[in-house]
Amino acid sequence: MSQGEPTPRDLAHFHTTTFAGNTLVCKHGEKAGPNSTFTIDAKANPKKLDVTIGEGRDKGKTVLAIYELKDNTLIICEAALVKERPSGFSSTYENQQCLEVLKRE
């Protein structure tokens, strides 16, 4: 969900996010997004996730997010680039946040 609009189901099935060590790669079909690194603060409430873009025009910029992990489901709410970290898990046109629900394969 981005800015309050759900991702069409047929597109959502082609989206993958891979976490390995401190790296993160998102793919949309065969097209990979920029390689990025991440840090977490699992003691914060809500838990914090910072993703630093590693290449491309936004190289070096950090996306601020919060996350929740339950069993095999990871919920991430991320701010638009250069916006403040979300305080809750919501995505509306006004807050311009992206809410992702990821399932482990």
Protein backbone atom coordinates (compact mmCIF):
# COMPACT_ATOMS: atom_id res chain seq x y z
CA MET A 1 0.00 0.00 0.00
CA SER A 2 1.36 3.37 -0.93
CA GLN A 3 -0.23 6.70 -0.06
CA GLY A 4 -3.44 4.91 0.92
CA GLU A 5 -3.76 2.97 -2.34
CA PRO A 6 -3.37 -0.83 -2.30
CA THR A 7 -0.92 -2.40 -4.70
CA PRO A 8 -2.80 -4.41 -7.33
CA ARG A 9 -2.60 -8.11 -6.42
CA ASP A 10 -1.12 -9.08 -9.79
CA LEU A 11 1.77 -6.65 -9.22
CA ALA A 12 2.31 -7.56 -5.57
CA HIS A 13 3.12 -11.16 -6.49
CA PHE A 14 6.13 -9.98 -8.51
CA HIS A 15 7.66 -7.99 -5.64
CA THR A 16 10.36 -9.59 -3.52
CA THR A 17 12.53 -8.16 -0.77
CA THR A 18 15.69 -10.00 0.27
CA PHE A 19 17.51 -9.31 3.54
CA ALA A 20 21.00 -10.82 3.82
CA GLY A 21 23.43 -9.72 6.53
CA ASN A 22 23.01 -5.94 6.52
CA THR A 23 22.03 -5.68 2.83
CA LEU A 24 18.60 -5.31 1.31
CA VAL A 25 17.53 -5.78 -2.30
CA CYS A 26 14.01 -5.24 -3.64
CA LYS A 27 12.95 -6.71 -6.96
CA HIS A 28 9.94 -6.00 -9.10
CA GLY A 29 9.81 -9.00 -11.41
CA GLU A 30 13.31 -9.36 -12.83
CA LYS A 31 14.16 -5.69 -12.28
CA ALA A 32 16.20 -5.15 -9.12
CA GLY A 33 16.08 -1.90 -7.22
CA PRO A 34 19.26 -0.33 -5.88
CA ASN A 35 21.40 -2.36 -3.48
CA SER A 36 20.96 -0.90 -0.02
CA THR A 37 22.17 -1.44 3.51
CA PHE A 38 20.04 -1.37 6.63
CA THR A 39 20.24 -1.06 10.38
CA ILE A 40 17.59 -1.88 12.94
CA ASP A 41 16.79 -0.86 16.49
CA ALA A 42 14.81 -3.80 17.83
CA LYS A 43 14.57 -2.26 21.31
CA ALA A 44 12.68 0.84 20.13
CA ASN A 45 8.90 0.94 20.29
CA PRO A 46 7.93 0.71 17.50
CA LYS A 47 11.02 -1.07 16.17
CA LYS A 48 13.10 1.09 13.80
CA LEU A 49 14.50 0.25 10.37
CA ASP A 50 16.84 2.60 8.49
CA VAL A 51 17.60 1.78 4.85
CA THR A 52 20.51 3.59 3.18
CA ILE A 53 20.39 3.54 -0.60
CA GLY A 54 23.67 2.29 -2.02
CA GLU A 55 23.52 3.31 -5.67
CA GLY A 56 21.74 5.45 -8.22
CA ARG A 57 20.53 9.03 -7.97
CA ASP A 58 19.54 8.67 -4.31
CA LYS A 59 22.81 7.01 -3.25
CA GLY A 60 23.60 7.77 0.38
CA LYS A 61 20.07 8.88 1.31
CA THR A 62 18.28 7.07 4.12
CA VAL A 63 14.67 5.92 4.23
CA LEU A 64 13.28 5.89 7.78
CA ALA A 65 10.85 3.12 8.67
CA ILE A 66 9.28 1.13 11.48
CA TYR A 67 8.69 -2.60 11.46
CA GLU A 68 6.97 -5.46 13.21
CA LEU A 69 7.90 -9.14 12.82
CA LYS A 70 5.42 -11.85 13.76
CA ASP A 71 6.12 -15.46 12.82
CA ASN A 72 6.78 -15.36 9.04
CA THR A 73 5.22 -11.96 8.42
CA LEU A 74 7.19 -8.72 8.31
CA ILE A 75 5.24 -5.45 8.32
CA ILE A 76 7.19 -2.34 7.30
CA CYS A 77 5.91 1.21 7.21
CA GLU A 78 8.35 3.54 5.52
CA ALA A 79 8.41 7.27 5.08
CA ALA A 80 8.87 8.92 1.72
CA LEU A 81 12.50 9.82 1.09
CA VAL A 82 13.69 12.70 3.33
CA LYS A 83 10.50 12.56 5.43
CA GLU A 84 10.25 11.86 9.16
CA ARG A 85 10.00 8.30 10.46
CA PRO A 86 6.40 7.01 10.67
CA SER A 87 4.91 6.86 14.15
CA GLY A 88 2.35 4.19 13.28
CA PHE A 89 1.49 1.58 10.67
CA SER A 90 -0.67 3.49 8.21
CA SER A 91 -0.50 4.67 4.63
CA THR A 92 -2.60 7.59 3.44
CA TYR A 93 -2.32 10.12 0.66
CA GLU A 94 -1.62 12.77 3.28
CA ASN A 95 1.22 11.00 5.10
CA GLN A 96 2.83 9.65 1.89
CA GLN A 97 3.97 6.50 3.70
CA CYS A 98 4.32 3.04 2.19
CA LEU A 99 2.97 0.06 4.15
CA GLU A 100 4.33 -3.34 3.17
CA VAL A 101 3.29 -6.78 4.41
CA LEU A 102 5.93 -9.33 3.46
CA LYS A 103 5.68 -13.12 3.88
CA ARG A 104 8.77 -15.30 4.25
CA GLU A 105 9.13 -17.97 1.58
